[in-house]
Amino acid sequence: MAQIALRPDTSGYRPEGAERDRIQSRTLKVLMSSQVFGGMGLVAGYIPAALLAKEITGSPTLAGLAAAMLSVGSSGASFPLASYMYRKGRRPGLRIGYLVGAAGAVAAFASAVMSIYPLLLIGVALIGTGNACNLAARYAAADLAGEDRRARSIGVIVWASTVGSASGSYVALALATGVAAAVGLPALSGPYVLSLAVFAIAAMIVHTQLRPDPLVVSGGINTAHRTETKRAELRRATGLILANPRARIAVAAMITAQMVMVGVMTMTPIHMDDGGQSASTIGLMMTIHIFGMYAFSPIIGLLSDRFGRLPMIAVGAVLLITGAEFAARTSAIHAPGVMVGNFLIGLGWGFGVIAGSSLLTEAFPIEQRVSVQGTADLAMSGFGATGGLVSGAIVALRSYADLGRYAIVVAVVLLLATIWHRVRAEQVPLVARSAIGRSS
């Protein structure tokens, strides 16, 4: 193992067989470690955002905007991070992303202390860069994975976020807030101190341990486009996705999962707070939701490798529909129903993101993957941000129940599109065989 760790990150190094497997195993262990802390930093920065914004402004709409800034920041960082990795590798990109997330935690802490709402927006947006890193880590896990284990490798990394994210949600609201209040700081400033510390740890793990760089070893560093502008690179990657039917449905699955999850979850803490639920109950709900998102990821990856990506995308859509229906039908004073609904939404997110990411990755050769992955994450985070931004307005103008019903409509569209794509994919071979029979 020590020999592997000392290998230089050079584009000419191409291990095969057992050595490649050892490097992949090491890569997964390092990424899992960083994901534990990265997931904790993300959740500790996200959960208090809506509550702090409501405390500062008194407006549910502005509270929703603050929480949605995490998706805005993640969307804005996704492609620049991917472009940087495209040229430099996974390790430099993940390292700088986590450090930016830590800087965001500092800004959000300052906003809590000084009650400055715009500073909170900036801080949460920068924390979103840490989210972009957590998303990019799943692709790093797939760089050296065999085709028959790609979804499982992605699932393992997504699963690693369970420990950090689930524990982070409880520690942030139930413990960090209490510690902050005990030392004379605003209670909601405590989670941002936690976010700063764990993002810094994640950056240190990646910087010191992610050697050799999996993207460099796999040959994914593309020197042919180093002089290409980011705008041209984005246009080229978007064209590749639009021209590839598998990529289109993969990105649609990721977009829908993120949009429904962020849209509902952005306003759920506010919904429960309006129903008189305590901070610890809201934290428990978030823990259960995050458990649904991440805890079953290895199983989802295994099922995707075994039964195919499209069936699992369809399962994810059904779970999103069911969870949104639970949420829509549950009043704010009934916490168990809200928890069940958001657990199912989290589980549906896991199916959509893992199966969609696997399908997207295998749809392109290694030299095209990073820019395509960055573009897909840009779209996913962008639509997630839209869901978060719109959710506050929907709840303000309509109700939390209507928010759930709109989420159902979005998930139904994905389900129908997946079924249509599967039917078309099965018809193409039949048409081809028929043509061959006529020509013979």
Protein backbone atom coordinates (compact mmCIF):
# COMPACT_ATOMS: atom_id res chain seq x y z
CA MET A 1 0.00 0.00 0.00
CA ALA A 2 2.85 2.39 0.80
CA GLN A 3 4.26 1.79 -2.66
CA ILE A 4 0.98 2.77 -4.23
CA ALA A 5 0.75 5.94 -2.14
CA LEU A 6 4.15 7.10 -3.37
CA ARG A 7 3.37 6.69 -7.05
CA PRO A 8 3.70 10.02 -8.87
CA ASP A 9 0.59 11.69 -10.25
CA THR A 10 1.72 11.52 -13.85
CA SER A 11 -0.42 11.04 -16.91
CA GLY A 12 1.87 8.28 -18.16
CA TYR A 13 1.24 5.99 -15.20
CA ARG A 14 -1.35 3.34 -16.23
CA PRO A 15 -1.58 0.43 -13.78
CA GLU A 16 -3.52 -2.68 -14.73
CA GLY A 17 -4.88 -5.77 -13.04
CA ALA A 18 -4.19 -6.26 -9.33
CA GLU A 19 -2.31 -2.97 -8.97
CA ARG A 20 -5.21 -1.00 -10.44
CA ASP A 21 -7.56 -2.79 -8.05
CA ARG A 22 -5.34 -1.88 -5.08
CA ILE A 23 -5.28 1.77 -6.11
CA GLN A 24 -9.06 1.73 -6.51
CA SER A 25 -9.46 0.20 -3.05
CA ARG A 26 -7.22 2.88 -1.53
CA THR A 27 -9.05 5.62 -3.42
CA LEU A 28 -12.40 4.45 -2.07
CA LYS A 29 -11.10 4.41 1.51
CA VAL A 30 -9.70 7.95 1.23
CA LEU A 31 -12.86 9.29 -0.41
CA MET A 32 -15.04 7.62 2.21
CA SER A 33 -13.02 9.30 4.97
CA SER A 34 -13.27 12.72 3.36
CA GLN A 35 -16.98 12.24 2.70
CA VAL A 36 -17.68 11.66 6.38
CA PHE A 37 -16.33 15.12 7.22
CA GLY A 38 -17.52 16.77 4.02
CA GLY A 39 -21.06 15.48 4.63
CA MET A 40 -21.00 16.77 8.20
CA GLY A 41 -19.78 20.18 7.03
CA LEU A 42 -22.50 20.40 4.41
CA VAL A 43 -25.35 19.48 6.74
CA ALA A 44 -24.10 21.65 9.59
CA GLY A 45 -24.04 24.58 7.18
CA TYR A 46 -27.37 23.85 5.52
CA ILE A 47 -29.76 22.92 8.33
CA PRO A 48 -29.59 26.22 10.27
CA ALA A 49 -29.82 28.39 7.14
CA ALA A 50 -33.60 28.67 6.86
CA LEU A 51 -34.08 28.94 10.63
CA LEU A 52 -31.40 31.65 10.94
CA ALA A 53 -32.80 33.57 7.98
CA LYS A 54 -36.29 33.48 9.46
CA GLU A 55 -34.87 34.64 12.80
CA ILE A 56 -33.13 37.58 11.11
CA THR A 57 -35.86 38.59 8.63
CA GLY A 58 -39.12 37.02 9.85
CA SER A 59 -39.94 36.06 6.26
CA PRO A 60 -40.58 32.43 5.12
CA THR A 61 -39.75 33.44 1.55
CA LEU A 62 -36.39 34.88 2.52
CA ALA A 63 -35.79 31.82 4.71
CA GLY A 64 -36.35 29.61 1.69
CA LEU A 65 -34.01 31.79 -0.35
CA ALA A 66 -31.23 31.38 2.24
CA ALA A 67 -31.51 27.60 2.24
CA ALA A 68 -31.69 27.53 -1.56
CA MET A 69 -28.40 29.43 -1.79
CA LEU A 70 -26.64 26.16 -0.99
CA SER A 71 -27.90 24.75 -4.28
CA VAL A 72 -27.10 28.03 -6.02
CA GLY A 73 -23.53 27.84 -4.77
CA SER A 74 -23.24 24.17 -5.61
CA SER A 75 -24.54 24.82 -9.10
CA GLY A 76 -22.18 27.72 -9.65
CA ALA A 77 -19.18 25.71 -8.45
CA SER A 78 -19.92 22.40 -10.18
CA PHE A 79 -18.62 23.17 -13.65
CA PRO A 80 -15.62 25.32 -12.62
CA LEU A 81 -14.55 22.53 -10.26
CA ALA A 82 -15.00 19.93 -12.99
CA SER A 83 -13.08 22.09 -15.45
CA TYR A 84 -10.26 22.47 -12.94
CA MET A 85 -10.18 18.72 -12.35
CA TYR A 86 -10.25 18.17 -16.12
CA ARG A 87 -6.89 19.91 -16.26
CA LYS A 88 -5.31 19.21 -12.85
CA GLY A 89 -6.93 16.10 -11.36
CA ARG A 90 -9.39 15.16 -8.63
CA ARG A 91 -7.14 15.89 -5.64
CA PRO A 92 -6.53 19.62 -6.33
CA GLY A 93 -10.18 20.18 -7.22
CA LEU A 94 -11.60 18.49 -4.12
CA ARG A 95 -9.09 20.21 -1.87
CA ILE A 96 -9.87 23.74 -3.04
CA GLY A 97 -13.61 23.07 -3.00
CA TYR A 98 -13.61 22.01 0.65
CA LEU A 99 -11.53 25.04 1.59
CA VAL A 100 -14.03 27.35 -0.11
CA GLY A 101 -16.77 25.59 1.86
CA ALA A 102 -14.85 26.33 5.06
CA ALA A 103 -14.64 30.00 4.08
CA GLY A 104 -18.41 29.99 3.60
CA ALA A 105 -18.86 28.68 7.13
CA VAL A 106 -16.85 31.65 8.42
CA ALA A 107 -19.10 34.09 6.55
CA ALA A 108 -22.28 32.38 7.79
CA PHE A 109 -20.97 32.42 11.37
CA ALA A 110 -20.37 36.15 11.06
CA SER A 111 -23.91 36.65 9.74
CA ALA A 112 -25.34 34.82 12.76
CA VAL A 113 -23.33 36.94 15.18
CA MET A 114 -24.10 40.26 13.46
CA SER A 115 -27.61 39.40 12.12
CA ILE A 116 -26.65 40.35 8.55
CA TYR A 117 -28.90 38.51 6.09
CA PRO A 118 -26.90 39.16 2.87
CA LEU A 119 -23.78 37.77 4.53
CA LEU A 120 -25.71 34.60 5.30
CA LEU A 121 -26.61 34.25 1.61
CA ILE A 122 -22.94 34.56 0.65
CA GLY A 123 -21.84 32.10 3.30
CA VAL A 124 -24.39 29.42 2.43
CA ALA A 125 -23.56 29.81 -1.28
CA LEU A 126 -19.87 29.20 -0.54
CA ILE A 127 -20.79 26.21 1.62
CA GLY A 128 -22.50 24.95 -1.53
CA THR A 129 -19.02 24.54 -3.03
CA GLY A 130 -18.43 21.89 -0.39
CA ASN A 131 -21.59 20.20 -1.63
CA ALA A 132 -20.20 20.30 -5.17
CA CYS A 133 -17.10 18.51 -3.82
CA ASN A 134 -19.20 15.83 -2.17
CA LEU A 135 -20.99 15.26 -5.47
CA ALA A 136 -17.74 15.18 -7.47
CA ALA A 137 -16.30 12.58 -5.10
CA ARG A 138 -18.76 9.97 -6.40
CA TYR A 139 -17.30 10.37 -9.88
CA ALA A 140 -13.78 10.07 -8.48
CA ALA A 141 -14.84 6.71 -7.09
CA ALA A 142 -15.84 5.61 -10.59
CA ASP A 143 -12.64 6.73 -12.36
CA LEU A 144 -10.90 3.38 -11.86
CA ALA A 145 -13.93 1.16 -11.25
CA GLY A 146 -14.74 -1.74 -13.56
CA GLU A 147 -17.96 -1.45 -15.53
CA ASP A 148 -19.65 -4.19 -13.50
CA ARG A 149 -18.85 -2.41 -10.21
CA ARG A 150 -19.26 1.23 -11.18
CA ALA A 151 -22.62 1.84 -9.52
CA ARG A 152 -21.49 0.04 -6.37
CA SER A 153 -18.37 2.22 -6.16
CA ILE A 154 -20.53 5.34 -6.49
CA GLY A 155 -22.97 3.96 -3.94
CA VAL A 156 -20.24 3.31 -1.38
CA ILE A 157 -19.08 6.92 -1.55
CA VAL A 158 -22.62 8.25 -1.30
CA TRP A 159 -23.14 5.92 1.67
CA ALA A 160 -20.08 7.34 3.43
CA SER A 161 -21.94 10.63 3.71
CA THR A 162 -24.44 8.88 6.01
CA VAL A 163 -22.12 8.98 9.00
CA GLY A 164 -21.20 12.64 8.63
CA SER A 165 -24.53 13.94 7.37
CA ALA A 166 -26.79 12.03 9.76
CA SER A 167 -24.65 12.74 12.82
CA GLY A 168 -24.03 16.29 11.62
CA SER A 169 -27.72 17.11 11.54
CA TYR A 170 -28.18 16.11 15.18
CA VAL A 171 -24.88 17.56 16.40
CA ALA A 172 -25.54 20.85 14.60
CA LEU A 173 -29.00 21.52 16.05
CA ALA A 174 -28.99 19.62 19.32
CA LEU A 175 -25.39 20.11 20.50
CA ALA A 176 -23.58 22.88 18.60
CA THR A 177 -26.43 25.33 19.19
CA GLY A 178 -26.36 24.58 22.92
CA VAL A 179 -22.60 25.02 23.15
CA ALA A 180 -22.77 28.33 21.29
CA ALA A 181 -25.52 29.62 23.58
CA ALA A 182 -23.57 28.49 26.65
CA VAL A 183 -20.56 30.62 25.67
CA GLY A 184 -22.68 33.67 24.91
CA LEU A 185 -22.93 33.36 21.12
CA PRO A 186 -26.16 33.17 19.10
CA ALA A 187 -27.33 29.55 19.21
CA LEU A 188 -27.47 29.20 15.42
CA SER A 189 -23.87 30.31 15.04
CA GLY A 190 -22.65 27.05 16.60
CA PRO A 191 -23.32 24.80 13.59
CA TYR A 192 -21.14 27.03 11.41
CA VAL A 193 -18.14 26.60 13.72
CA LEU A 194 -18.65 22.85 13.32
CA SER A 195 -18.93 23.25 9.54
CA LEU A 196 -15.67 25.20 9.37
CA ALA A 197 -13.74 22.58 11.35
CA VAL A 198 -14.90 19.51 9.47
CA PHE A 199 -14.53 21.05 6.00
CA ALA A 200 -10.92 21.84 6.90
CA ILE A 201 -10.40 18.22 7.96
CA ALA A 202 -11.89 16.96 4.68
CA ALA A 203 -9.51 19.18 2.71
CA MET A 204 -6.54 17.88 4.69
CA ILE A 205 -7.50 14.24 4.09
CA VAL A 206 -7.80 14.75 0.35
CA HIS A 207 -4.56 16.74 0.14
CA THR A 208 -2.44 14.25 2.05
CA GLN A 209 -4.00 10.90 1.14
CA LEU A 210 -5.54 10.97 -2.35
CA ARG A 211 -2.35 9.80 -4.08
CA PRO A 212 -2.09 8.76 -6.80
CA ASP A 213 -4.85 10.87 -8.26
CA PRO A 214 -7.50 8.48 -9.69
CA LEU A 215 -8.37 10.72 -12.62
CA VAL A 216 -4.72 11.08 -13.62
CA VAL A 217 -4.15 7.32 -13.36
CA SER A 218 -7.27 6.53 -15.40
CA GLY A 219 -6.17 8.84 -18.24
CA GLY A 220 -9.00 11.32 -17.71
CA ILE A 221 -6.78 14.41 -17.78
CA ASN A 222 -7.48 15.89 -21.20
CA THR A 223 -4.66 18.01 -22.57
CA ALA A 224 -6.36 18.53 -25.93
CA HIS A 225 -8.75 21.15 -24.55
CA ARG A 226 -6.50 22.99 -22.07
CA THR A 227 -6.72 26.19 -24.12
CA GLU A 228 -10.49 25.93 -24.51
CA THR A 229 -12.53 28.54 -22.66
CA LYS A 230 -14.92 27.34 -19.96
CA ARG A 231 -17.87 28.58 -21.98
CA ALA A 232 -16.79 26.60 -25.05
CA GLU A 233 -16.10 23.58 -22.87
CA LEU A 234 -19.57 23.84 -21.35
CA ARG A 235 -21.20 24.14 -24.78
CA ARG A 236 -19.30 21.10 -26.02
CA ALA A 237 -20.25 19.01 -22.98
CA THR A 238 -23.88 20.09 -23.21
CA GLY A 239 -23.95 19.06 -26.86
CA LEU A 240 -22.56 15.65 -25.98
CA ILE A 241 -25.30 15.12 -23.40
CA LEU A 242 -28.12 16.26 -25.66
CA ALA A 243 -26.91 14.00 -28.48
CA ASN A 244 -26.82 10.90 -26.27
CA PRO A 245 -30.20 9.35 -25.28
CA ARG A 246 -28.75 7.53 -22.26
CA ALA A 247 -27.11 10.72 -21.04
CA ARG A 248 -30.37 12.65 -21.42
CA ILE A 249 -32.35 10.29 -19.19
CA ALA A 250 -29.45 10.06 -16.72
CA VAL A 251 -29.31 13.83 -16.30
CA ALA A 252 -33.11 14.01 -16.12
CA ALA A 253 -33.04 11.51 -13.24
CA MET A 254 -30.40 13.51 -11.36
CA ILE A 255 -32.20 16.81 -11.96
CA THR A 256 -35.59 15.49 -10.84
CA ALA A 257 -34.21 13.80 -7.72
CA GLN A 258 -32.39 16.96 -6.67
CA MET A 259 -35.24 19.32 -7.51
CA VAL A 260 -37.86 17.35 -5.56
CA MET A 261 -35.55 16.70 -2.61
CA VAL A 262 -34.31 20.28 -2.26
CA GLY A 263 -37.71 21.80 -2.94
CA VAL A 264 -39.50 19.86 -0.22
CA MET A 265 -36.64 19.80 2.26
CA THR A 266 -36.00 23.54 2.05
CA MET A 267 -39.36 24.33 3.60
CA THR A 268 -39.81 21.28 5.85
CA PRO A 269 -37.95 22.80 8.87
CA ILE A 270 -40.09 25.94 8.53
CA HIS A 271 -43.24 23.80 8.19
CA MET A 272 -42.38 21.88 11.37
CA ASP A 273 -41.37 25.04 13.22
CA ASP A 274 -44.75 26.56 12.39
CA GLY A 275 -46.34 23.46 13.91
CA GLY A 276 -44.54 24.01 17.19
CA GLN A 277 -41.94 21.25 16.73
CA SER A 278 -38.74 21.58 18.74
CA ALA A 279 -35.28 22.04 17.25
CA SER A 280 -34.32 18.52 18.33
CA THR A 281 -37.39 17.08 16.57
CA ILE A 282 -36.52 18.98 13.41
CA GLY A 283 -32.96 17.68 13.73
CA LEU A 284 -34.27 14.12 14.10
CA MET A 285 -36.39 14.57 10.98
CA MET A 286 -33.32 15.72 9.08
CA THR A 287 -31.35 12.73 10.37
CA ILE A 288 -34.06 10.35 9.14
CA HIS A 289 -34.23 12.13 5.77
CA ILE A 290 -30.45 11.99 5.34
CA PHE A 291 -30.46 8.34 6.41
CA GLY A 292 -32.85 7.70 3.52
CA MET A 293 -30.58 9.59 1.12
CA TYR A 294 -27.34 7.83 1.96
CA ALA A 295 -27.66 4.73 4.14
CA PHE A 296 -28.91 2.39 1.41
CA SER A 297 -26.53 3.62 -1.27
CA PRO A 298 -24.41 0.42 -1.51
CA ILE A 299 -27.60 -1.61 -1.96
CA ILE A 300 -28.86 0.82 -4.60
CA GLY A 301 -25.53 0.52 -6.41
CA LEU A 302 -25.67 -3.26 -6.25
CA LEU A 303 -29.22 -3.28 -7.63
CA SER A 304 -28.23 -0.88 -10.40
CA ASP A 305 -25.32 -3.09 -11.43
CA ARG A 306 -27.50 -6.21 -11.22
CA PHE A 307 -30.79 -5.10 -12.78
CA GLY A 308 -29.80 -2.04 -14.81
CA ARG A 309 -29.85 1.71 -14.40
CA LEU A 310 -33.25 2.48 -15.94
CA PRO A 311 -35.33 0.23 -13.65
CA MET A 312 -33.67 1.82 -10.62
CA ILE A 313 -34.37 5.31 -11.96
CA ALA A 314 -38.03 4.29 -12.24
CA VAL A 315 -38.00 2.99 -8.66
CA GLY A 316 -36.54 6.31 -7.56
CA ALA A 317 -39.32 8.22 -9.30
CA VAL A 318 -41.98 6.10 -7.56
CA LEU A 319 -40.35 6.73 -4.17
CA LEU A 320 -40.23 10.48 -4.83
CA ILE A 321 -43.91 10.46 -5.73
CA THR A 322 -44.85 8.46 -2.62
CA GLY A 323 -42.73 10.59 -0.29
CA ALA A 324 -44.07 13.86 -1.68
CA GLU A 325 -47.62 12.53 -1.25
CA PHE A 326 -46.92 11.73 2.42
CA ALA A 327 -45.48 15.20 2.96
CA ALA A 328 -48.39 16.88 1.19
CA ARG A 329 -50.98 15.09 3.33
CA THR A 330 -49.29 15.66 6.72
CA SER A 331 -49.99 18.70 8.88
CA ALA A 332 -47.20 20.49 10.71
CA ILE A 333 -48.24 19.14 14.12
CA HIS A 334 -47.84 15.50 13.05
CA ALA A 335 -44.09 14.96 12.93
CA PRO A 336 -44.12 11.19 12.14
CA GLY A 337 -45.88 11.69 8.81
CA VAL A 338 -43.47 14.43 7.80
CA MET A 339 -40.56 12.16 8.73
CA VAL A 340 -41.86 9.23 6.68
CA GLY A 341 -42.45 11.44 3.66
CA ASN A 342 -39.01 12.97 3.78
CA PHE A 343 -37.36 9.60 4.38
CA LEU A 344 -38.96 8.28 1.18
CA ILE A 345 -37.94 11.41 -0.73
CA GLY A 346 -34.38 10.90 0.48
CA LEU A 347 -34.44 7.26 -0.61
CA GLY A 348 -35.84 8.24 -4.02
CA TRP A 349 -33.04 10.78 -4.34
CA GLY A 350 -30.50 8.02 -3.74
CA PHE A 351 -31.94 5.85 -6.50
CA GLY A 352 -32.09 8.72 -8.97
CA VAL A 353 -28.61 10.10 -8.31
CA ILE A 354 -26.71 6.78 -8.09
CA ALA A 355 -28.38 5.09 -11.06
CA GLY A 356 -28.30 8.34 -13.06
CA SER A 357 -24.62 8.99 -12.28
CA SER A 358 -23.69 5.44 -13.29
CA LEU A 359 -25.64 5.67 -16.52
CA LEU A 360 -24.06 9.03 -17.35
CA THR A 361 -20.52 7.83 -16.62
CA GLU A 362 -20.75 4.74 -18.82
CA ALA A 363 -22.33 6.71 -21.68
CA PHE A 364 -19.01 8.43 -22.54
CA PRO A 365 -15.33 7.51 -22.94
CA ILE A 366 -12.96 8.49 -20.14
CA GLU A 367 -11.59 11.57 -21.92
CA GLN A 368 -15.09 13.12 -22.14
CA ARG A 369 -16.42 12.17 -18.74
CA VAL A 370 -15.20 14.93 -16.46
CA SER A 371 -16.63 17.86 -18.42
CA VAL A 372 -19.88 15.96 -19.00
CA GLN A 373 -20.10 15.09 -15.28
CA GLY A 374 -19.49 18.71 -14.33
CA THR A 375 -22.18 19.87 -16.74
CA ALA A 376 -24.64 17.31 -15.35
CA ASP A 377 -23.93 18.42 -11.78
CA LEU A 378 -24.32 22.04 -12.86
CA ALA A 379 -27.77 21.20 -14.22
CA MET A 380 -28.66 19.08 -11.19
CA SER A 381 -27.64 21.74 -8.69
CA GLY A 382 -29.16 24.52 -10.79
CA PHE A 383 -32.56 22.86 -10.90
CA GLY A 384 -32.20 22.01 -7.22
CA ALA A 385 -31.62 25.69 -6.53
CA THR A 386 -34.69 26.52 -8.60
CA GLY A 387 -36.71 24.06 -6.54
CA GLY A 388 -35.48 25.64 -3.33
CA LEU A 389 -36.13 29.18 -4.51
CA VAL A 390 -39.60 28.39 -5.82
CA SER A 391 -40.53 26.36 -2.74
CA GLY A 392 -40.48 29.41 -0.47
CA ALA A 393 -42.78 31.31 -2.81
CA ILE A 394 -45.14 28.32 -3.15
CA VAL A 395 -45.46 27.95 0.62
CA ALA A 396 -45.91 31.70 1.08
CA LEU A 397 -48.55 32.01 -1.65
CA ARG A 398 -50.14 28.57 -1.38
CA SER A 399 -49.15 25.97 1.23
CA TYR A 400 -46.66 23.26 2.14
CA ALA A 401 -49.22 20.71 0.91
CA ASP A 402 -49.27 22.32 -2.54
CA LEU A 403 -45.47 22.20 -2.59
CA GLY A 404 -45.67 18.43 -2.17
CA ARG A 405 -48.24 18.14 -4.96
CA TYR A 406 -46.08 20.11 -7.40
CA ALA A 407 -43.18 17.82 -6.50
CA ILE A 408 -45.34 14.83 -7.40
CA VAL A 409 -45.98 16.25 -10.88
CA VAL A 410 -42.23 16.65 -11.49
CA ALA A 411 -41.51 13.07 -10.39
CA VAL A 412 -44.33 11.67 -12.54
CA VAL A 413 -42.76 13.28 -15.61
CA LEU A 414 -39.49 11.46 -14.86
CA LEU A 415 -41.29 8.15 -14.42
CA LEU A 416 -43.07 8.49 -17.75
CA ALA A 417 -39.87 9.57 -19.52
CA THR A 418 -37.99 6.56 -18.11
CA ILE A 419 -40.68 4.14 -19.22
CA TRP A 420 -40.73 5.71 -22.68
CA HIS A 421 -36.94 5.52 -22.96
CA ARG A 422 -36.96 1.85 -21.91
CA VAL A 423 -39.66 1.01 -24.45
CA ARG A 424 -37.78 2.79 -27.23
CA ALA A 425 -34.53 1.05 -26.27
CA GLU A 426 -36.25 -2.33 -26.54
CA GLN A 427 -37.88 -1.46 -29.86
CA VAL A 428 -34.64 -0.44 -31.59
CA PRO A 429 -33.12 -3.95 -31.58
CA LEU A 430 -36.43 -5.35 -32.85
CA VAL A 431 -36.47 -2.88 -35.72
CA ALA A 432 -32.85 -3.63 -36.52
CA ARG A 433 -33.50 -7.39 -36.56
CA SER A 434 -36.54 -6.89 -38.77
CA ALA A 435 -34.49 -4.84 -41.23
CA ILE A 436 -31.82 -7.49 -41.34
CA GLY A 437 -34.44 -10.16 -42.01
CA ARG A 438 -35.90 -8.16 -44.90
CA SER A 439 -32.47 -7.52 -46.40
CA SER A 440 -31.63 -11.24 -46.32
